[in-house]
Amino acid sequence: MTHDHDLVLRPTAAQTAAALNPPARHPATTPQEGATRHVSDRRNGGDLVVETLAGLGATTVFGLPGQHALGMFDALRRSDLAYIGLRVENNAGFAADAYGRVTGQVAPLLLSTGPGALTSLAALQEAAAASAPVLAISSQIPTAGLGGGRHGYLHELRDQKASFRDIVKSVHTVRHASQIPSAVAAAWESALSAPHGPVWVEIPQDVLLAEVTLPVVSAMDATPHDLVPRPELTAVAADLLRNAERPAIIAGGGVVRSDASGKLLALAEKLDAPVVTTFGGKGAFPWEHPLSMRSWLEDRHTTDFLEDADVLLVVGSGLGELSSNYHTFAPRGRVIQIEADLGKLESNHPALGIHADARTALAVLLETVEERRDPAAAERVSTLLAKVRERIAGQELTLEQQVLAAVRAALPDDSPSFWDMTILAYWAWSAFDARQPNTMHSAQGAGGLGYGFPAALGAAAAEPSRPVLAVSGDGGAMYSIAELATARQYNLPVTWLIVDDGGYGILREYMTDAFGEATATELSRPDFVALAESFGVPAVRTTPESLREDLAKSLAEPGPSVVVLPALLRMFAPTHL
């Protein structure tokens, strides 16, 4: 649900004049001159934005400057906030998305009006689908031009915020500088309230540039309220699980986001309940655990297993298209759904819906549910996985499994990985052992291309002491090739694996299967190794046989690197058709 917080007041003459005649800049005072923050003797609305972000706990911001937003960007030099500037607004949004995912904290994204703001839409859609707490702050045309008229301002839109209202959790509009701290704090709280998600703040150019006499913004509290389950619902859920004969658990991304993996493991072991993780929930449950069905949700054997459960506990998942084997899943038993996103409760299947944060709800169930033993549960899981292996083994997909195994072997267990929409990523959804929670991420929420590399840059900015892996196909790589400059400029430790099959590989398969041949899927592309090296980024061309060694070597080196794997991979056959 999107909420509008529209603080609309008519502009003052001083504000409008300030946009046309911005105040002169003065050198920042130093800490030795009596300030712990770098505050100039003249401040503007942009300073209030930056001070509020710092007061709320932000340490890093992402973005790309534009004419109307210069007040915010000028204020950055008077602050201690680290700035990561990307080359395309959509990529800046993907970087902020990943920063929010790996830290669990709000990721500020600074944007300019009109084209700059609109270019971020696809990234904000992914952040919404993946519940990533991104705080987008955009400039607007001067207040004199607002209201839907056609005044001819540069970048003018009749109603800019309307383009974002259907995507973000809440919209916050500022018209006076004094409104900035409260609006930004309200947006921050909205982004962090369960479920996490992107929010939108917009501030006119003249408000950002206008000189302010307000005191420096101090520490602010925008801590969201806990989303706790209703006790009568968890009591019913505990009773259902205690009396179940064949319980099973589907663990979604909500388990990862709420840091509830430990409680999930404890509950599964207390109930002897098999667990499958969704693609957004990778790493939420130990891959090699006897009760782990892993992530084979696109397999009919797994679908049958889940349909046979007499009580199915779904935690942090809406059971959408991918999590339900393309809506072929039809549970026959009772469904208990724990979900922080109210709109997802019972959106696909009737259930005992519990509106709550996954961690809080699992903690309550752990305290109230009685232990049950089922020695046959692990055996049933083992039988299921054997059926899955047999199905895959019959499709002559040795190369694909070899490549995925090489990636897993080269990647340190605690290193995060970010996967674009590409065939190797689709394999990874089902067959890759994430080993630790919150270490495998993809654009499977909204499904847009170009996510992997800029997202990895955002994660590296959050924790530059460990290497980060990005995986793209050659088609998706072209969406974010400009960010090689970003990686080099900030020396971010990201290794980018580009699987080059000469086109949009999965679309080639889809069209060939559906129409007998593919159209518009074959691509002319650059020499990725030479292109990366032209940015000053080390690169190597590898083979399936040398991939593990080349990838491990690149990951071990400081700074960015590129590994190019020319390979034509195939997807395993679907079971939902």
Protein backbone atom coordinates (compact mmCIF):
# COMPACT_ATOMS: atom_id res chain seq x y z
CA MET A 1 0.00 0.00 0.00
CA THR A 2 1.38 3.41 -0.97
CA HIS A 3 0.84 6.42 1.25
CA ASP A 4 1.15 10.07 0.21
CA HIS A 5 2.57 12.55 2.65
CA ASP A 6 2.09 15.73 0.65
CA LEU A 7 3.21 18.83 2.50
CA VAL A 8 1.95 21.34 -0.05
CA LEU A 9 2.32 25.04 0.70
CA ARG A 10 2.74 27.87 -1.74
CA PRO A 11 6.36 28.92 -2.35
CA THR A 12 7.68 32.11 -0.89
CA ALA A 13 9.28 34.76 -3.05
CA ALA A 14 12.57 34.13 -1.26
CA GLN A 15 12.51 30.45 -2.21
CA THR A 16 11.87 31.18 -5.84
CA ALA A 17 14.57 33.84 -5.89
CA ALA A 18 17.02 31.44 -4.27
CA ALA A 19 16.58 29.02 -7.15
CA LEU A 20 17.56 31.74 -9.60
CA ASN A 21 20.33 33.20 -7.41
CA PRO A 22 21.82 30.40 -5.32
CA PRO A 23 23.83 31.52 -2.30
CA ALA A 24 27.58 31.72 -2.60
CA ARG A 25 29.54 28.79 -1.28
CA HIS A 26 32.05 29.24 1.51
CA PRO A 27 34.79 26.85 2.56
CA ALA A 28 33.74 24.35 5.17
CA THR A 29 34.97 24.83 8.68
CA THR A 30 37.28 22.15 10.00
CA PRO A 31 36.76 20.00 13.12
CA GLN A 32 39.67 21.93 14.68
CA GLU A 33 37.57 25.09 14.40
CA GLY A 34 35.04 23.65 16.84
CA ALA A 35 32.70 21.43 14.82
CA THR A 36 32.56 17.66 14.64
CA ARG A 37 30.64 17.95 11.37
CA HIS A 38 31.84 19.91 8.35
CA VAL A 39 29.35 22.78 8.41
CA SER A 40 29.78 25.90 6.23
CA ASP A 41 28.79 29.30 7.53
CA ARG A 42 25.93 29.34 5.03
CA ARG A 43 23.71 26.31 4.67
CA ASN A 44 20.84 25.46 2.35
CA GLY A 45 18.03 22.95 2.00
CA GLY A 46 20.46 20.39 0.65
CA ASP A 47 22.35 20.56 3.95
CA LEU A 48 19.15 19.69 5.80
CA VAL A 49 18.76 16.60 3.61
CA VAL A 50 22.32 15.45 4.21
CA GLU A 51 22.28 16.29 7.92
CA THR A 52 19.03 14.41 8.40
CA LEU A 53 20.40 11.33 6.64
CA ALA A 54 23.49 11.40 8.84
CA GLY A 55 21.37 11.94 11.93
CA LEU A 56 19.30 8.89 11.05
CA GLY A 57 22.43 6.75 10.79
CA ALA A 58 23.26 6.77 7.08
CA THR A 59 26.94 6.42 6.21
CA THR A 60 26.80 5.90 2.44
CA VAL A 61 24.67 7.39 -0.31
CA PHE A 62 24.31 6.48 -3.98
CA GLY A 63 23.24 8.62 -6.87
CA LEU A 64 23.94 10.73 -9.91
CA PRO A 65 23.83 14.54 -9.93
CA GLY A 66 21.61 16.71 -12.10
CA GLN A 67 20.90 20.41 -12.40
CA HIS A 68 17.93 20.58 -10.03
CA ALA A 69 19.60 18.35 -7.42
CA LEU A 70 22.88 20.25 -7.13
CA GLY A 71 21.92 21.66 -3.72
CA MET A 72 21.97 18.12 -2.27
CA PHE A 73 25.20 17.16 -3.95
CA ASP A 74 26.95 20.37 -2.91
CA ALA A 75 25.95 19.61 0.69
CA LEU A 76 27.67 16.22 0.52
CA ARG A 77 31.09 17.89 0.57
CA ARG A 78 30.22 19.41 3.94
CA SER A 79 29.32 16.02 5.41
CA ASP A 80 30.98 12.78 6.40
CA LEU A 81 28.71 10.69 4.17
CA ALA A 82 30.49 8.48 1.66
CA TYR A 83 29.20 8.99 -1.85
CA ILE A 84 29.19 6.32 -4.58
CA GLY A 85 28.32 7.88 -7.93
CA LEU A 86 27.21 5.56 -10.69
CA ARG A 87 26.89 6.36 -14.39
CA VAL A 88 23.20 5.53 -14.89
CA GLU A 89 20.39 6.23 -12.42
CA ASN A 90 18.91 2.76 -12.80
CA ASN A 91 22.27 1.23 -11.89
CA ALA A 92 22.54 3.59 -8.91
CA GLY A 93 19.15 2.23 -7.82
CA PHE A 94 20.36 -1.36 -8.17
CA ALA A 95 23.45 -0.50 -6.08
CA ALA A 96 21.30 1.04 -3.36
CA ASP A 97 19.00 -2.00 -3.48
CA ALA A 98 21.91 -4.35 -2.83
CA TYR A 99 23.32 -2.14 -0.07
CA GLY A 100 19.93 -2.27 1.64
CA ARG A 101 19.68 -6.05 1.22
CA VAL A 102 23.09 -6.92 2.67
CA THR A 103 23.06 -4.39 5.52
CA GLY A 104 19.35 -4.37 6.37
CA GLN A 105 19.70 -0.59 6.60
CA VAL A 106 18.22 2.22 4.55
CA ALA A 107 20.16 3.03 1.39
CA PRO A 108 19.78 6.68 0.31
CA LEU A 109 19.56 7.28 -3.44
CA LEU A 110 19.95 10.87 -4.65
CA LEU A 111 18.38 11.69 -8.02
CA SER A 112 17.57 14.62 -10.24
CA THR A 113 14.26 15.68 -11.76
CA GLY A 114 12.42 14.18 -14.74
CA PRO A 115 14.63 11.91 -16.91
CA GLY A 116 17.01 11.20 -14.04
CA ALA A 117 14.19 10.24 -11.70
CA LEU A 118 12.33 8.20 -14.31
CA THR A 119 15.45 6.25 -15.25
CA SER A 120 15.45 4.76 -11.73
CA LEU A 121 11.98 3.22 -12.06
CA ALA A 122 13.07 -0.33 -12.96
CA ALA A 123 15.49 -0.44 -10.04
CA LEU A 124 12.84 0.78 -7.62
CA GLN A 125 10.45 -1.87 -8.96
CA GLU A 126 13.05 -4.53 -8.12
CA ALA A 127 13.58 -3.00 -4.67
CA ALA A 128 9.83 -3.15 -4.10
CA ALA A 129 9.58 -6.76 -5.24
CA ALA A 130 12.58 -7.77 -3.10
CA SER A 131 11.64 -5.60 -0.09
CA ALA A 132 14.88 -3.61 -0.18
CA PRO A 133 14.87 -0.42 1.94
CA VAL A 134 15.86 2.24 -0.61
CA LEU A 135 15.22 5.90 0.23
CA ALA A 136 15.05 7.75 -3.10
CA ILE A 137 15.32 11.51 -2.77
CA SER A 138 14.68 13.41 -5.97
CA SER A 139 14.72 17.04 -6.83
CA GLN A 140 11.79 18.76 -8.50
CA ILE A 141 11.33 21.77 -10.72
CA PRO A 142 11.07 25.08 -8.81
CA THR A 143 7.92 25.41 -6.73
CA ALA A 144 6.62 28.15 -9.01
CA GLY A 145 6.21 25.55 -11.74
CA LEU A 146 4.41 22.90 -9.70
CA GLY A 147 0.72 22.20 -9.90
CA GLY A 148 0.32 20.50 -13.25
CA GLY A 149 0.65 23.51 -15.53
CA ARG A 150 2.81 23.55 -18.66
CA HIS A 151 5.44 26.13 -17.69
CA GLY A 152 8.25 24.76 -19.83
CA TYR A 153 10.80 24.12 -17.09
CA LEU A 154 13.65 21.80 -17.91
CA HIS A 155 12.76 18.20 -16.92
CA GLU A 156 9.18 19.22 -16.15
CA LEU A 157 6.57 16.52 -15.54
CA ARG A 158 2.95 17.30 -14.80
CA ASP A 159 3.06 15.09 -11.69
CA GLN A 160 6.42 13.46 -11.15
CA LYS A 161 5.48 11.58 -8.00
CA ALA A 162 2.56 9.90 -9.80
CA SER A 163 5.09 7.90 -11.80
CA PHE A 164 6.39 6.36 -8.57
CA ARG A 165 3.29 6.02 -6.43
CA ASP A 166 2.39 2.55 -7.74
CA ILE A 167 5.91 1.25 -7.09
CA VAL A 168 7.12 2.63 -3.77
CA LYS A 169 5.69 2.17 -0.28
CA SER A 170 5.15 5.85 0.41
CA VAL A 171 5.57 9.25 -1.24
CA HIS A 172 6.73 12.30 0.72
CA THR A 173 6.57 15.75 -0.87
CA VAL A 174 8.35 18.80 0.55
CA ARG A 175 7.53 22.45 -0.18
CA HIS A 176 9.50 24.28 2.54
CA ALA A 177 12.96 23.67 3.98
CA SER A 178 11.60 23.27 7.50
CA GLN A 179 9.67 20.23 6.30
CA ILE A 180 12.78 18.39 5.08
CA PRO A 181 13.92 16.66 8.32
CA SER A 182 10.47 15.37 9.19
CA ALA A 183 9.72 14.21 5.64
CA VAL A 184 13.03 12.38 5.29
CA ALA A 185 12.63 10.78 8.74
CA ALA A 186 9.09 9.64 7.93
CA ALA A 187 10.33 8.12 4.67
CA TRP A 188 13.20 6.41 6.51
CA GLU A 189 10.80 4.83 8.99
CA SER A 190 8.51 3.72 6.16
CA ALA A 191 11.41 2.08 4.30
CA LEU A 192 12.42 0.11 7.41
CA SER A 193 8.93 -0.87 8.54
CA ALA A 194 8.14 -4.50 7.79
CA PRO A 195 8.07 -5.30 4.99
CA HIS A 196 11.05 -3.23 3.93
CA GLY A 197 10.74 -1.39 0.65
CA PRO A 198 11.60 1.69 -1.40
CA VAL A 199 10.17 5.11 -0.60
CA TRP A 200 10.11 8.39 -2.50
CA VAL A 201 10.87 11.94 -1.36
CA GLU A 202 10.88 14.91 -3.73
CA ILE A 203 12.06 18.42 -3.03
CA PRO A 204 11.92 21.39 -5.42
CA GLN A 205 15.15 22.90 -6.68
CA ASP A 206 14.59 26.27 -5.02
CA VAL A 207 13.95 24.63 -1.64
CA LEU A 208 17.21 22.72 -1.92
CA LEU A 209 19.12 25.89 -2.81
CA ALA A 210 17.46 28.32 -0.43
CA GLU A 211 19.63 29.50 2.47
CA VAL A 212 18.43 28.19 5.84
CA THR A 213 18.95 29.49 9.36
CA LEU A 214 17.67 26.38 11.11
CA PRO A 215 20.14 24.69 13.48
CA VAL A 216 22.10 21.67 12.31
CA VAL A 217 19.92 18.56 12.39
CA SER A 218 20.82 16.38 15.36
CA ALA A 219 20.35 12.65 15.80
CA MET A 220 16.84 11.57 14.91
CA ASP A 221 14.82 8.50 15.86
CA ALA A 222 12.87 6.85 13.07
CA THR A 223 12.84 3.32 14.50
CA PRO A 224 9.89 1.39 13.08
CA HIS A 225 7.48 -0.51 15.30
CA ASP A 226 7.78 -4.28 15.52
CA LEU A 227 5.20 -6.21 13.53
CA VAL A 228 4.11 -8.84 16.04
CA PRO A 229 1.66 -11.68 15.40
CA ARG A 230 -1.74 -11.88 17.03
CA PRO A 231 -1.55 -14.50 19.81
CA GLU A 232 -4.83 -16.24 18.95
CA LEU A 233 -3.47 -16.93 15.45
CA THR A 234 -0.13 -18.34 16.58
CA ALA A 235 -1.97 -20.53 19.10
CA VAL A 236 -4.01 -22.08 16.27
CA ALA A 237 -0.88 -22.44 14.13
CA ALA A 238 0.99 -24.20 16.94
CA ASP A 239 -1.91 -26.61 17.42
CA LEU A 240 -2.05 -27.41 13.70
CA LEU A 241 1.68 -28.07 13.54
CA ARG A 242 1.67 -30.20 16.70
CA ASN A 243 -1.02 -32.47 15.30
CA ALA A 244 0.29 -32.61 11.73
CA GLU A 245 1.30 -35.94 10.25
CA ARG A 246 3.31 -34.60 7.28
CA PRO A 247 4.20 -30.95 7.97
CA ALA A 248 6.44 -29.05 5.58
CA ILE A 249 7.86 -25.53 5.46
CA ILE A 250 8.41 -23.09 2.60
CA ALA A 251 10.93 -20.42 3.65
CA GLY A 252 10.93 -17.22 1.61
CA GLY A 253 12.91 -14.03 1.45
CA GLY A 254 11.18 -12.70 4.55
CA VAL A 255 13.16 -15.20 6.64
CA VAL A 256 16.43 -13.82 5.28
CA ARG A 257 15.43 -10.16 5.60
CA SER A 258 14.35 -10.57 9.23
CA ASP A 259 17.47 -12.58 10.13
CA ALA A 260 15.32 -15.49 11.20
CA SER A 261 17.33 -18.38 9.76
CA GLY A 262 18.36 -19.66 13.18
CA LYS A 263 14.78 -19.72 14.43
CA LEU A 264 13.65 -21.44 11.24
CA LEU A 265 16.24 -24.17 11.76
CA ALA A 266 15.23 -24.64 15.38
CA LEU A 267 11.53 -24.89 14.52
CA ALA A 268 12.11 -27.32 11.64
CA GLU A 269 14.15 -29.59 13.89
CA LYS A 270 11.57 -29.36 16.68
CA LEU A 271 8.85 -30.46 14.25
CA ASP A 272 10.92 -32.77 12.04
CA ALA A 273 9.48 -30.72 9.18
CA PRO A 274 11.17 -30.71 5.74
CA VAL A 275 12.08 -27.24 4.44
CA VAL A 276 12.36 -25.84 0.93
CA THR A 277 13.62 -22.30 0.33
CA THR A 278 12.29 -20.00 -2.35
CA PHE A 279 14.70 -18.31 -4.74
CA GLY A 280 14.50 -15.16 -2.63
CA GLY A 281 15.09 -17.23 0.50
CA LYS A 282 18.36 -18.84 -0.60
CA GLY A 283 20.55 -19.59 2.40
CA ALA A 284 17.69 -19.44 4.89
CA PHE A 285 18.11 -23.16 5.67
CA PRO A 286 21.29 -25.28 5.58
CA TRP A 287 21.61 -26.88 2.14
CA GLU A 288 23.01 -30.19 3.37
CA HIS A 289 20.66 -30.59 6.35
CA PRO A 290 18.75 -33.92 6.32
CA LEU A 291 15.46 -31.97 6.28
CA SER A 292 16.51 -29.67 3.43
CA MET A 293 14.64 -29.97 0.12
CA ARG A 294 17.00 -27.24 -1.07
CA SER A 295 15.44 -24.91 -3.65
CA TRP A 296 14.02 -27.17 -6.34
CA LEU A 297 10.72 -25.33 -6.61
CA GLU A 298 10.67 -25.59 -10.41
CA ASP A 299 10.47 -29.37 -10.16
CA ARG A 300 7.24 -31.32 -10.15
CA HIS A 301 8.60 -33.81 -7.61
CA THR A 302 8.98 -30.97 -5.10
CA THR A 303 5.54 -29.62 -6.00
CA ASP A 304 4.01 -33.05 -5.36
CA PHE A 305 5.84 -33.31 -2.02
CA LEU A 306 4.48 -29.94 -0.87
CA GLU A 307 0.97 -30.71 -2.09
CA ASP A 308 1.02 -33.89 0.01
CA ALA A 309 1.76 -31.99 3.24
CA ASP A 310 -1.24 -32.00 5.56
CA VAL A 311 0.02 -28.76 7.17
CA LEU A 312 2.18 -26.38 5.18
CA LEU A 313 3.89 -23.49 6.97
CA VAL A 314 4.81 -20.68 4.55
CA VAL A 315 7.12 -18.08 6.09
CA GLY A 316 7.99 -14.84 4.33
CA SER A 317 6.67 -15.76 0.90
CA GLY A 318 3.60 -14.79 -1.08
CA LEU A 319 3.76 -18.06 -3.08
CA GLY A 320 4.04 -16.14 -6.33
CA GLU A 321 4.73 -17.43 -9.81
CA LEU A 322 8.24 -18.81 -9.25
CA SER A 323 7.59 -20.10 -5.74
CA SER A 324 4.52 -22.04 -6.87
CA ASN A 325 6.07 -23.71 -9.94
CA TYR A 326 4.27 -21.18 -12.15
CA HIS A 327 1.00 -21.42 -10.23
CA THR A 328 0.65 -25.18 -10.74
CA PHE A 329 1.03 -25.78 -7.00
CA ALA A 330 -2.31 -26.73 -5.43
CA PRO A 331 -1.98 -27.53 -1.70
CA ARG A 332 -4.36 -30.14 -0.35
CA GLY A 333 -3.66 -29.59 3.36
CA ARG A 334 -3.99 -26.62 5.68
CA VAL A 335 -1.75 -23.66 4.87
CA ILE A 336 -0.33 -21.35 7.54
CA GLN A 337 1.11 -18.19 6.00
CA ILE A 338 3.32 -15.79 7.95
CA GLU A 339 3.85 -12.65 5.92
CA ALA A 340 4.82 -9.05 6.72
CA ASP A 341 3.28 -7.74 3.50
CA LEU A 342 -0.43 -7.56 4.23
CA GLY A 343 -1.33 -7.60 0.55
CA LYS A 344 0.32 -11.00 0.07
CA LEU A 345 -1.67 -12.79 2.79
CA GLU A 346 -3.89 -15.37 1.06
CA SER A 347 -3.27 -13.64 -2.27
CA ASN A 348 -2.73 -17.00 -3.98
CA HIS A 349 -4.05 -19.68 -1.60
CA PRO A 350 -6.50 -19.80 1.31
CA ALA A 351 -4.56 -19.91 4.56
CA LEU A 352 -4.43 -19.13 8.23
CA GLY A 353 -2.90 -15.72 7.53
CA ILE A 354 -0.61 -14.27 10.18
CA HIS A 355 0.43 -10.69 9.50
CA ALA A 356 3.81 -10.50 11.20
CA ASP A 357 7.54 -10.23 10.79
CA ALA A 358 9.01 -13.69 10.19
CA ARG A 359 11.50 -13.54 13.05
CA THR A 360 8.92 -12.47 15.62
CA ALA A 361 6.36 -15.04 14.52
CA LEU A 362 8.86 -17.91 14.41
CA ALA A 363 10.05 -16.98 17.91
CA VAL A 364 6.50 -17.25 19.22
CA LEU A 365 5.94 -20.60 17.49
CA LEU A 366 9.18 -21.93 18.93
CA GLU A 367 7.93 -21.15 22.42
CA THR A 368 4.43 -22.53 21.97
CA VAL A 369 4.62 -25.52 19.62
CA GLU A 370 5.16 -28.96 21.09
CA GLU A 371 7.95 -31.16 19.83
CA ARG A 372 7.05 -33.93 17.40
CA ARG A 373 9.21 -36.71 16.02
CA ASP A 374 9.05 -38.20 12.53
CA PRO A 375 11.98 -40.50 11.76
CA ALA A 376 10.70 -40.91 8.19
CA ALA A 377 10.90 -37.19 7.34
CA ALA A 378 14.60 -37.18 6.43
CA GLU A 379 14.13 -40.34 4.38
CA ARG A 380 11.30 -38.76 2.40
CA VAL A 381 13.51 -35.74 1.69
CA SER A 382 16.33 -37.99 0.54
CA THR A 383 13.97 -39.83 -1.80
CA LEU A 384 12.73 -36.53 -3.21
CA LEU A 385 16.23 -35.23 -3.95
CA ALA A 386 17.14 -38.52 -5.61
CA LYS A 387 14.18 -38.11 -7.96
CA VAL A 388 15.27 -34.57 -8.79
CA ARG A 389 18.84 -35.70 -9.51
CA GLU A 390 17.55 -38.49 -11.72
CA ARG A 391 15.41 -36.08 -13.72
CA ILE A 392 18.30 -33.66 -14.28
CA ALA A 393 20.74 -36.47 -15.09
CA GLY A 394 18.53 -37.60 -17.94
CA GLN A 395 18.87 -34.30 -19.80
CA GLU A 396 22.60 -34.27 -20.65
CA LEU A 397 23.32 -31.04 -18.79
CA THR A 398 26.83 -31.83 -17.59
CA LEU A 399 28.34 -28.53 -18.78
CA GLU A 400 25.83 -26.44 -16.86
CA GLN A 401 26.40 -28.36 -13.64
CA GLN A 402 30.17 -28.17 -14.13
CA VAL A 403 30.09 -24.39 -14.54
CA LEU A 404 27.86 -23.88 -11.49
CA ALA A 405 30.05 -26.17 -9.38
CA ALA A 406 33.13 -24.21 -10.44
CA VAL A 407 31.53 -20.94 -9.34
CA ARG A 408 30.58 -22.43 -5.98
CA ALA A 409 34.08 -23.80 -5.43
CA ALA A 410 35.76 -20.48 -6.26
CA LEU A 411 33.50 -18.23 -4.20
CA PRO A 412 34.32 -17.81 -0.48
CA ASP A 413 31.46 -18.92 1.75
CA ASP A 414 30.86 -15.46 3.20
CA SER A 415 31.09 -13.57 -0.09
CA PRO A 416 27.81 -12.27 -1.46
CA SER A 417 26.86 -12.96 -5.06
CA PHE A 418 24.52 -11.03 -7.33
CA TRP A 419 22.97 -12.70 -10.35
CA ASP A 420 21.49 -11.09 -13.41
CA MET A 421 18.61 -12.62 -15.35
CA THR A 422 20.63 -15.23 -17.24
CA ILE A 423 20.58 -19.01 -17.68
CA LEU A 424 23.33 -19.65 -15.13
CA ALA A 425 21.33 -17.64 -12.59
CA TYR A 426 18.22 -19.71 -13.27
CA TRP A 427 20.28 -22.79 -12.54
CA ALA A 428 21.59 -21.14 -9.38
CA TRP A 429 18.06 -20.44 -8.13
CA SER A 430 17.46 -24.16 -7.86
CA ALA A 431 20.90 -25.75 -7.61
CA PHE A 432 23.33 -23.31 -5.95
CA ASP A 433 24.24 -23.75 -2.28
CA ALA A 434 24.30 -20.22 -0.82
CA ARG A 435 25.92 -21.67 2.34
CA GLN A 436 25.14 -18.60 4.44
CA PRO A 437 22.00 -16.49 4.75
CA ASN A 438 21.81 -13.20 2.86
CA THR A 439 24.68 -14.03 0.48
CA MET A 440 22.84 -14.81 -2.77
CA HIS A 441 20.70 -12.21 -4.50
CA SER A 442 19.15 -11.82 -7.92
CA ALA A 443 16.63 -9.73 -9.81
CA GLN A 444 14.01 -12.47 -9.60
CA GLY A 445 11.56 -10.10 -7.95
CA ALA A 446 10.87 -7.85 -10.94
CA GLY A 447 12.98 -9.73 -13.48
CA GLY A 448 14.74 -6.83 -15.19
CA LEU A 449 18.09 -7.10 -16.93
CA GLY A 450 21.25 -5.36 -15.78
CA TYR A 451 20.98 -5.99 -12.03
CA GLY A 452 24.00 -8.15 -11.25
CA PHE A 453 27.03 -5.88 -11.65
CA PRO A 454 25.73 -2.57 -10.20
CA ALA A 455 24.12 -4.49 -7.34
CA ALA A 456 27.46 -6.12 -6.57
CA LEU A 457 29.06 -2.67 -6.50
CA GLY A 458 26.53 -1.58 -3.88
CA ALA A 459 27.28 -4.61 -1.75
CA ALA A 460 31.01 -4.00 -2.06
CA ALA A 461 30.51 -0.42 -0.91
CA ALA A 462 28.80 -1.77 2.19
CA GLU A 463 31.60 -4.20 3.03
CA PRO A 464 34.76 -3.54 0.98
CA SER A 465 36.87 -6.02 2.94
CA ARG A 466 35.41 -9.09 1.23
CA PRO A 467 35.13 -9.93 -2.48
CA VAL A 468 31.75 -9.82 -4.21
CA LEU A 469 30.70 -11.82 -7.27
CA ALA A 470 28.46 -10.56 -10.07
CA VAL A 471 27.12 -12.93 -12.76
CA SER A 472 25.63 -11.74 -16.07
CA GLY A 473 25.01 -12.95 -19.57
CA ASP A 474 26.42 -10.93 -22.43
CA GLY A 475 23.02 -9.35 -23.10
CA GLY A 476 22.50 -8.26 -19.51
CA ALA A 477 26.12 -7.12 -19.23
CA MET A 478 25.56 -4.45 -21.85
CA TYR A 479 23.00 -2.78 -19.58
CA SER A 480 25.65 -2.01 -16.98
CA ILE A 481 28.94 -1.88 -18.88
CA ALA A 482 29.36 1.81 -18.00
CA GLU A 483 29.71 0.86 -14.35
CA LEU A 484 33.15 -0.56 -15.03
CA ALA A 485 34.18 3.08 -14.64
CA THR A 486 32.48 3.18 -11.24
CA ALA A 487 34.17 -0.01 -10.13
CA ARG A 488 37.55 1.37 -11.14
CA GLN A 489 36.99 4.82 -9.67
CA TYR A 490 36.13 3.47 -6.23
CA ASN A 491 38.34 0.37 -6.51
CA LEU A 492 35.46 -1.85 -5.42
CA PRO A 493 36.30 -5.57 -4.94
CA VAL A 494 33.81 -7.00 -7.45
CA THR A 495 34.58 -9.84 -9.84
CA TRP A 496 32.19 -9.85 -12.78
CA LEU A 497 31.62 -13.19 -14.47
CA ILE A 498 30.13 -12.67 -17.94
CA VAL A 499 28.78 -15.80 -19.62
CA ASP A 500 28.93 -14.96 -23.32
CA ASP A 501 26.57 -17.00 -25.50
CA GLY A 502 26.07 -14.40 -28.19
CA GLY A 503 22.59 -13.27 -27.32
CA TYR A 504 19.62 -13.46 -25.01
CA GLY A 505 20.06 -17.14 -24.27
CA ILE A 506 16.89 -17.90 -22.35
CA LEU A 507 14.72 -15.99 -24.83
CA ARG A 508 16.40 -17.94 -27.62
CA GLU A 509 15.27 -21.14 -25.90
CA TYR A 510 11.75 -19.86 -25.24
CA MET A 511 11.22 -18.75 -28.84
CA THR A 512 12.73 -21.86 -30.36
CA ASP A 513 10.52 -24.07 -28.21
CA ALA A 514 7.39 -22.02 -28.90
CA PHE A 515 7.83 -20.98 -32.53
CA GLY A 516 10.48 -23.26 -34.00
CA GLU A 517 13.09 -20.50 -34.31
CA ALA A 518 14.25 -17.41 -32.46
CA THR A 519 13.92 -13.79 -33.56
CA ALA A 520 15.73 -10.70 -32.20
CA THR A 521 17.80 -12.73 -29.73
CA GLU A 522 21.21 -12.73 -31.47
CA LEU A 523 23.55 -9.91 -30.47
CA SER A 524 26.67 -8.25 -31.72
CA ARG A 525 28.82 -7.60 -28.67
CA PRO A 526 32.24 -6.20 -27.83
CA ASP A 527 35.42 -7.96 -26.83
CA PHE A 528 34.57 -7.88 -23.14
CA VAL A 529 38.16 -8.54 -22.07
CA ALA A 530 39.56 -5.67 -24.13
CA LEU A 531 36.69 -3.40 -23.09
CA ALA A 532 37.26 -4.06 -19.39
CA GLU A 533 40.97 -3.47 -19.77
CA SER A 534 40.27 -0.13 -21.47
CA PHE A 535 38.66 0.93 -18.16
CA GLY A 536 41.75 -0.21 -16.29
CA VAL A 537 39.96 -3.31 -14.99
CA PRO A 538 41.91 -6.60 -15.22
CA ALA A 539 40.12 -9.21 -17.31
CA VAL A 540 40.62 -12.78 -18.47
CA ARG A 541 38.90 -15.08 -20.94
CA THR A 542 38.34 -18.53 -19.43
CA THR A 543 36.95 -21.98 -20.23
CA PRO A 544 34.67 -24.30 -18.26
CA GLU A 545 37.76 -26.33 -17.34
CA SER A 546 39.76 -23.34 -16.05
CA LEU A 547 36.83 -21.34 -14.65
CA ARG A 548 37.32 -22.36 -11.04
CA GLU A 549 40.98 -21.38 -10.99
CA ASP A 550 40.54 -18.13 -12.95
CA LEU A 551 37.54 -17.05 -10.89
CA ALA A 552 39.22 -17.83 -7.55
CA LYS A 553 42.31 -15.89 -8.62
CA SER A 554 40.27 -12.86 -9.65
CA LEU A 555 38.25 -12.92 -6.43
CA ALA A 556 41.45 -13.02 -4.40
CA GLU A 557 42.89 -9.89 -6.04
CA PRO A 558 42.02 -6.43 -4.69
CA GLY A 559 39.78 -4.16 -6.73
CA PRO A 560 37.50 -4.99 -9.68
CA SER A 561 38.03 -7.69 -12.28
CA VAL A 562 36.22 -9.36 -15.15
CA VAL A 563 36.13 -13.04 -16.13
CA VAL A 564 34.58 -13.86 -19.51
CA LEU A 565 33.30 -17.38 -20.16
CA PRO A 566 32.25 -18.08 -23.77
CA ALA A 567 29.70 -20.88 -23.34
CA LEU A 568 26.29 -21.90 -24.65
CA LEU A 569 24.35 -23.09 -21.61
CA ARG A 570 20.94 -24.74 -21.66
CA MET A 571 18.16 -24.68 -19.12
CA PHE A 572 16.77 -27.86 -17.58
CA ALA A 573 13.34 -28.83 -18.88
CA PRO A 574 10.39 -27.25 -17.08
CA THR A 575 7.85 -29.42 -15.31
CA HIS A 576 4.91 -27.02 -15.16
CA LEU A 577 3.89 -27.18 -18.84
